[in-house]
Amino acid sequence: MGITIPRRHASAVAGSFGPLAVHRHEVVAAGASYTAFTLELADWISVAAITDAGEFVLVRQHRHGVDAVTIETAGGLVDPGEEPAVAAPRELLEETGYAAASLEPLGWVHPNPALQANRCFLYLARGARRVGEPAGDEHESTEAVLMSAEEVTAAMQDGRISHSIAVITLLRALAVTTAAPR
């Protein structure tokens, strides 16, 4: 027995809120009709940056969803017309004040395919070095945090790093950086 694929027979924008649009879909599956909602968002990027000394450059910032300060990888929206590989070093610089010598793609993920179709492109930035202060927009207040690979692993295990996309990015970066020295 296979899965039943729902078929959308009508869709409309239920509301738009800045970079987010909510879509309402009238759906039919297995003879039953129901309403489903999805979120339309731009693609995102997430950057695991590492210094020549082997320290990960992370971001401490307040997140409205959990109304708390988090530690996570640098990341953000891919601007309209911008390539993810251009957004990654821009976000790293804006959020941490660090630039990197090289940027390697670590693939991409769907952040939440139950509700969203956007992708998050993951990167490893090697040779990260401080070149200035964080310079995000007026709604961002960020601080760079340096952690060793061991500290990052411990922080993911004990919940100090709990942002799922940051965890995925860091796990992929750790797999690459600890598998073979460069």
C-alpha atoms as a PDB file:
ATOM      1  CA  MET A   1       0.000   0.000   0.000  1.00  0.00           C
ATOM      2  CA  GLY A   2       1.418   3.401  -0.965  1.00  0.00           C
ATOM      3  CA  ILE A   3       0.823   6.866   0.304  1.00  0.00           C
ATOM      4  CA  THR A   4      -2.011   9.041  -0.959  1.00  0.00           C
ATOM      5  CA  ILE A   5      -0.774  12.207  -2.650  1.00  0.00           C
ATOM      6  CA  PRO A   6      -3.094  15.154  -1.904  1.00  0.00           C
ATOM      7  CA  ARG A   7      -4.100  17.333  -4.853  1.00  0.00           C
ATOM      8  CA  ARG A   8      -4.495  21.077  -4.473  1.00  0.00           C
ATOM      9  CA  HIS A   9      -7.519  22.339  -6.369  1.00  0.00           C
ATOM     10  CA  ALA A  10      -7.469  25.955  -5.191  1.00  0.00           C
ATOM     11  CA  SER A  11      -4.810  28.149  -3.567  1.00  0.00           C
ATOM     12  CA  ALA A  12      -4.735  31.754  -2.422  1.00  0.00           C
ATOM     13  CA  VAL A  13      -2.548  34.019  -0.337  1.00  0.00           C
ATOM     14  CA  ALA A  14      -4.187  34.281   3.082  1.00  0.00           C
ATOM     15  CA  GLY A  15      -1.826  37.012   4.277  1.00  0.00           C
ATOM     16  CA  SER A  16       1.584  38.590   3.766  1.00  0.00           C
ATOM     17  CA  PHE A  17       3.774  39.745   6.605  1.00  0.00           C
ATOM     18  CA  GLY A  18       7.136  41.167   5.556  1.00  0.00           C
ATOM     19  CA  PRO A  19       9.249  38.300   4.182  1.00  0.00           C
ATOM     20  CA  LEU A  20       6.516  35.743   4.993  1.00  0.00           C
ATOM     21  CA  ALA A  21       3.367  34.856   3.055  1.00  0.00           C
ATOM     22  CA  VAL A  22       0.732  32.422   4.303  1.00  0.00           C
ATOM     23  CA  HIS A  23      -1.001  30.363   1.608  1.00  0.00           C
ATOM     24  CA  ARG A  24      -4.357  28.606   2.011  1.00  0.00           C
ATOM     25  CA  HIS A  25      -4.880  25.480  -0.106  1.00  0.00           C
ATOM     26  CA  GLU A  26      -8.089  23.571  -0.690  1.00  0.00           C
ATOM     27  CA  VAL A  27      -6.951  19.968  -0.969  1.00  0.00           C
ATOM     28  CA  VAL A  28      -8.487  16.635  -1.956  1.00  0.00           C
ATOM     29  CA  ALA A  29      -6.974  13.323  -0.839  1.00  0.00           C
ATOM     30  CA  ALA A  30      -8.572   9.891  -0.855  1.00  0.00           C
ATOM     31  CA  GLY A  31     -11.962  11.471  -1.613  1.00  0.00           C
ATOM     32  CA  ALA A  32     -11.869  13.860   1.353  1.00  0.00           C
ATOM     33  CA  SER A  33     -11.518  17.642   1.104  1.00  0.00           C
ATOM     34  CA  TYR A  34      -9.666  19.760   3.630  1.00  0.00           C
ATOM     35  CA  THR A  35      -7.753  23.030   3.995  1.00  0.00           C
ATOM     36  CA  ALA A  36      -3.982  23.156   4.348  1.00  0.00           C
ATOM     37  CA  PHE A  37      -1.759  26.157   5.041  1.00  0.00           C
ATOM     38  CA  THR A  38       1.831  26.673   3.919  1.00  0.00           C
ATOM     39  CA  LEU A  39       4.389  29.402   4.484  1.00  0.00           C
ATOM     40  CA  GLU A  40       6.255  31.088   1.646  1.00  0.00           C
ATOM     41  CA  LEU A  41       9.737  32.261   2.617  1.00  0.00           C
ATOM     42  CA  ALA A  42      12.909  33.148   0.758  1.00  0.00           C
ATOM     43  CA  ASP A  43      15.783  30.674   0.791  1.00  0.00           C
ATOM     44  CA  TRP A  44      18.178  30.882   3.736  1.00  0.00           C
ATOM     45  CA  ILE A  45      21.869  30.292   4.344  1.00  0.00           C
ATOM     46  CA  SER A  46      23.745  28.975   7.386  1.00  0.00           C
ATOM     47  CA  VAL A  47      27.519  29.317   7.782  1.00  0.00           C
ATOM     48  CA  ALA A  48      29.788  27.285  10.050  1.00  0.00           C
ATOM     49  CA  ALA A  49      32.913  29.448  10.144  1.00  0.00           C
ATOM     50  CA  ILE A  50      36.205  28.182  11.517  1.00  0.00           C
ATOM     51  CA  THR A  51      39.420  30.072  12.231  1.00  0.00           C
ATOM     52  CA  ASP A  52      42.905  28.866  11.320  1.00  0.00           C
ATOM     53  CA  ALA A  53      43.282  28.024  15.022  1.00  0.00           C
ATOM     54  CA  GLY A  54      40.319  25.608  14.749  1.00  0.00           C
ATOM     55  CA  GLU A  55      37.765  27.709  16.631  1.00  0.00           C
ATOM     56  CA  PHE A  56      34.207  27.950  15.358  1.00  0.00           C
ATOM     57  CA  VAL A  57      32.829  31.472  14.964  1.00  0.00           C
ATOM     58  CA  LEU A  58      29.237  31.486  16.181  1.00  0.00           C
ATOM     59  CA  VAL A  59      26.627  34.165  16.844  1.00  0.00           C
ATOM     60  CA  ARG A  60      24.916  35.081  20.094  1.00  0.00           C
ATOM     61  CA  GLN A  61      21.625  36.884  19.503  1.00  0.00           C
ATOM     62  CA  HIS A  62      18.059  37.233  20.743  1.00  0.00           C
ATOM     63  CA  ARG A  63      15.426  35.169  18.879  1.00  0.00           C
ATOM     64  CA  HIS A  64      11.763  36.216  19.075  1.00  0.00           C
ATOM     65  CA  GLY A  65      10.407  32.684  18.544  1.00  0.00           C
ATOM     66  CA  VAL A  66      11.862  31.441  21.833  1.00  0.00           C
ATOM     67  CA  ASP A  67      12.172  34.933  23.384  1.00  0.00           C
ATOM     68  CA  ALA A  68      15.693  34.101  24.488  1.00  0.00           C
ATOM     69  CA  VAL A  69      19.321  34.551  23.546  1.00  0.00           C
ATOM     70  CA  THR A  70      20.676  31.730  21.381  1.00  0.00           C
ATOM     71  CA  ILE A  71      24.069  30.618  20.135  1.00  0.00           C
ATOM     72  CA  GLU A  72      24.008  29.535  16.491  1.00  0.00           C
ATOM     73  CA  THR A  73      25.768  29.705  13.159  1.00  0.00           C
ATOM     74  CA  ALA A  74      25.694  32.938  11.170  1.00  0.00           C
ATOM     75  CA  GLY A  75      22.814  32.899   8.744  1.00  0.00           C
ATOM     76  CA  GLY A  76      19.884  34.644   7.225  1.00  0.00           C
ATOM     77  CA  LEU A  77      17.810  35.303   4.152  1.00  0.00           C
ATOM     78  CA  VAL A  78      19.081  35.128   0.612  1.00  0.00           C
ATOM     79  CA  ASP A  79      18.145  38.525  -0.829  1.00  0.00           C
ATOM     80  CA  PRO A  80      16.089  38.665  -4.068  1.00  0.00           C
ATOM     81  CA  GLY A  81      18.399  38.039  -7.028  1.00  0.00           C
ATOM     82  CA  GLU A  82      21.298  37.039  -4.754  1.00  0.00           C
ATOM     83  CA  GLU A  83      23.074  33.708  -4.997  1.00  0.00           C
ATOM     84  CA  PRO A  84      23.356  31.709  -1.739  1.00  0.00           C
ATOM     85  CA  ALA A  85      27.169  31.653  -2.066  1.00  0.00           C
ATOM     86  CA  VAL A  86      27.110  35.472  -2.065  1.00  0.00           C
ATOM     87  CA  ALA A  87      24.680  35.686   0.865  1.00  0.00           C
ATOM     88  CA  ALA A  88      26.839  33.405   3.047  1.00  0.00           C
ATOM     89  CA  PRO A  89      29.937  35.629   3.414  1.00  0.00           C
ATOM     90  CA  ARG A  90      27.697  38.717   3.641  1.00  0.00           C
ATOM     91  CA  GLU A  91      25.740  37.262   6.563  1.00  0.00           C
ATOM     92  CA  LEU A  92      28.929  36.019   8.257  1.00  0.00           C
ATOM     93  CA  LEU A  93      30.422  39.519   8.103  1.00  0.00           C
ATOM     94  CA  GLU A  94      27.206  41.302   9.143  1.00  0.00           C
ATOM     95  CA  GLU A  95      26.532  39.040  12.125  1.00  0.00           C
ATOM     96  CA  THR A  96      30.058  38.361  13.411  1.00  0.00           C
ATOM     97  CA  GLY A  97      32.482  40.888  11.938  1.00  0.00           C
ATOM     98  CA  TYR A  98      34.460  37.945  10.485  1.00  0.00           C
ATOM     99  CA  ALA A  99      35.464  37.271   6.880  1.00  0.00           C
ATOM    100  CA  ALA A 100      36.725  33.927   5.587  1.00  0.00           C
ATOM    101  CA  ALA A 101      39.497  32.871   3.206  1.00  0.00           C
ATOM    102  CA  SER A 102      37.343  30.198   1.546  1.00  0.00           C
ATOM    103  CA  LEU A 103      33.757  28.998   1.383  1.00  0.00           C
ATOM    104  CA  GLU A 104      32.702  25.373   0.805  1.00  0.00           C
ATOM    105  CA  PRO A 105      29.129  24.227   0.192  1.00  0.00           C
ATOM    106  CA  LEU A 106      27.817  21.603   2.618  1.00  0.00           C
ATOM    107  CA  GLY A 107      24.584  20.947   0.712  1.00  0.00           C
ATOM    108  CA  TRP A 108      21.120  22.194   1.538  1.00  0.00           C
ATOM    109  CA  VAL A 109      18.087  21.164   3.581  1.00  0.00           C
ATOM    110  CA  HIS A 110      14.378  21.964   3.669  1.00  0.00           C
ATOM    111  CA  PRO A 111      13.989  23.715   7.056  1.00  0.00           C
ATOM    112  CA  ASN A 112      10.414  22.493   7.577  1.00  0.00           C
ATOM    113  CA  PRO A 113       8.867  20.722   4.564  1.00  0.00           C
ATOM    114  CA  ALA A 114       5.576  20.234   6.406  1.00  0.00           C
ATOM    115  CA  LEU A 115       4.925  23.978   6.075  1.00  0.00           C
ATOM    116  CA  GLN A 116       7.629  25.505   3.849  1.00  0.00           C
ATOM    117  CA  ALA A 117       9.155  24.920   0.406  1.00  0.00           C
ATOM    118  CA  ASN A 118      12.244  27.093   0.874  1.00  0.00           C
ATOM    119  CA  ARG A 119      15.741  25.701   1.228  1.00  0.00           C
ATOM    120  CA  CYS A 120      18.604  26.497   3.565  1.00  0.00           C
ATOM    121  CA  PHE A 121      22.027  26.340   1.933  1.00  0.00           C
ATOM    122  CA  LEU A 122      24.786  25.258   4.307  1.00  0.00           C
ATOM    123  CA  TYR A 123      28.401  26.393   4.107  1.00  0.00           C
ATOM    124  CA  LEU A 124      31.750  25.902   5.777  1.00  0.00           C
ATOM    125  CA  ALA A 125      33.859  29.066   5.856  1.00  0.00           C
ATOM    126  CA  ARG A 126      37.542  28.327   6.502  1.00  0.00           C
ATOM    127  CA  GLY A 127      40.225  30.786   7.545  1.00  0.00           C
ATOM    128  CA  ALA A 128      37.753  33.049   9.366  1.00  0.00           C
ATOM    129  CA  ARG A 129      39.357  36.181  10.771  1.00  0.00           C
ATOM    130  CA  ARG A 130      37.941  39.214  12.504  1.00  0.00           C
ATOM    131  CA  VAL A 131      37.883  42.238  10.204  1.00  0.00           C
ATOM    132  CA  GLY A 132      35.464  44.499  12.086  1.00  0.00           C
ATOM    133  CA  GLU A 133      32.431  44.695  14.309  1.00  0.00           C
ATOM    134  CA  PRO A 134      29.112  42.982  13.592  1.00  0.00           C
ATOM    135  CA  ALA A 135      27.002  45.300  11.432  1.00  0.00           C
ATOM    136  CA  GLY A 136      23.511  43.868  11.097  1.00  0.00           C
ATOM    137  CA  ASP A 137      20.396  45.893  10.431  1.00  0.00           C
ATOM    138  CA  GLU A 138      18.561  47.975  13.045  1.00  0.00           C
ATOM    139  CA  HIS A 139      16.642  44.893  14.255  1.00  0.00           C
ATOM    140  CA  GLU A 140      19.740  42.772  14.926  1.00  0.00           C
ATOM    141  CA  SER A 141      22.074  42.846  17.873  1.00  0.00           C
ATOM    142  CA  THR A 142      24.667  40.120  17.549  1.00  0.00           C
ATOM    143  CA  GLU A 143      27.903  39.100  19.194  1.00  0.00           C
ATOM    144  CA  ALA A 144      30.562  36.725  17.886  1.00  0.00           C
ATOM    145  CA  VAL A 145      31.315  33.706  20.065  1.00  0.00           C
ATOM    146  CA  LEU A 146      34.372  31.467  19.585  1.00  0.00           C
ATOM    147  CA  MET A 147      34.165  27.793  20.549  1.00  0.00           C
ATOM    148  CA  SER A 148      36.418  24.797  20.019  1.00  0.00           C
ATOM    149  CA  ALA A 149      35.068  21.731  18.208  1.00  0.00           C
ATOM    150  CA  GLU A 150      34.762  19.994  21.580  1.00  0.00           C
ATOM    151  CA  GLU A 151      32.823  22.939  23.045  1.00  0.00           C
ATOM    152  CA  VAL A 152      30.520  23.019  19.999  1.00  0.00           C
ATOM    153  CA  THR A 153      29.816  19.289  20.351  1.00  0.00           C
ATOM    154  CA  ALA A 154      29.077  19.669  24.066  1.00  0.00           C
ATOM    155  CA  ALA A 155      26.854  22.717  23.441  1.00  0.00           C
ATOM    156  CA  MET A 156      24.799  20.807  20.851  1.00  0.00           C
ATOM    157  CA  GLN A 157      24.372  17.934  23.320  1.00  0.00           C
ATOM    158  CA  ASP A 158      23.396  20.042  26.338  1.00  0.00           C
ATOM    159  CA  GLY A 159      21.090  22.417  24.436  1.00  0.00           C
ATOM    160  CA  ARG A 160      23.170  25.605  24.512  1.00  0.00           C
ATOM    161  CA  ILE A 161      23.109  25.305  20.713  1.00  0.00           C
ATOM    162  CA  SER A 162      19.513  24.305  19.952  1.00  0.00           C
ATOM    163  CA  HIS A 163      18.746  25.906  16.579  1.00  0.00           C
ATOM    164  CA  SER A 164      18.165  22.857  14.380  1.00  0.00           C
ATOM    165  CA  ILE A 165      19.657  24.389  11.238  1.00  0.00           C
ATOM    166  CA  ALA A 166      22.757  25.458  13.181  1.00  0.00           C
ATOM    167  CA  VAL A 167      23.068  21.927  14.554  1.00  0.00           C
ATOM    168  CA  ILE A 168      22.838  20.394  11.063  1.00  0.00           C
ATOM    169  CA  THR A 169      25.344  22.898   9.671  1.00  0.00           C
ATOM    170  CA  LEU A 170      27.777  22.275  12.529  1.00  0.00           C
ATOM    171  CA  LEU A 171      27.449  18.487  12.290  1.00  0.00           C
ATOM    172  CA  ARG A 172      28.230  18.598   8.576  1.00  0.00           C
ATOM    173  CA  ALA A 173      31.137  20.996   9.174  1.00  0.00           C
ATOM    174  CA  LEU A 174      32.529  18.840  11.987  1.00  0.00           C
ATOM    175  CA  ALA A 175      32.341  15.771   9.745  1.00  0.00           C
ATOM    176  CA  VAL A 176      34.392  17.547   7.075  1.00  0.00           C
ATOM    177  CA  THR A 177      36.896  19.294   9.346  1.00  0.00           C
ATOM    178  CA  THR A 178      37.633  16.318  11.594  1.00  0.00           C
ATOM    179  CA  ALA A 179      37.638  13.693   8.812  1.00  0.00           C
ATOM    180  CA  ALA A 180      40.682  14.973   6.954  1.00  0.00           C
ATOM    181  CA  PRO A 181      43.044  17.801   7.828  1.00  0.00           C
ATOM    182  CA  ARG A 182      43.545  20.442   5.127  1.00  0.00           C
END
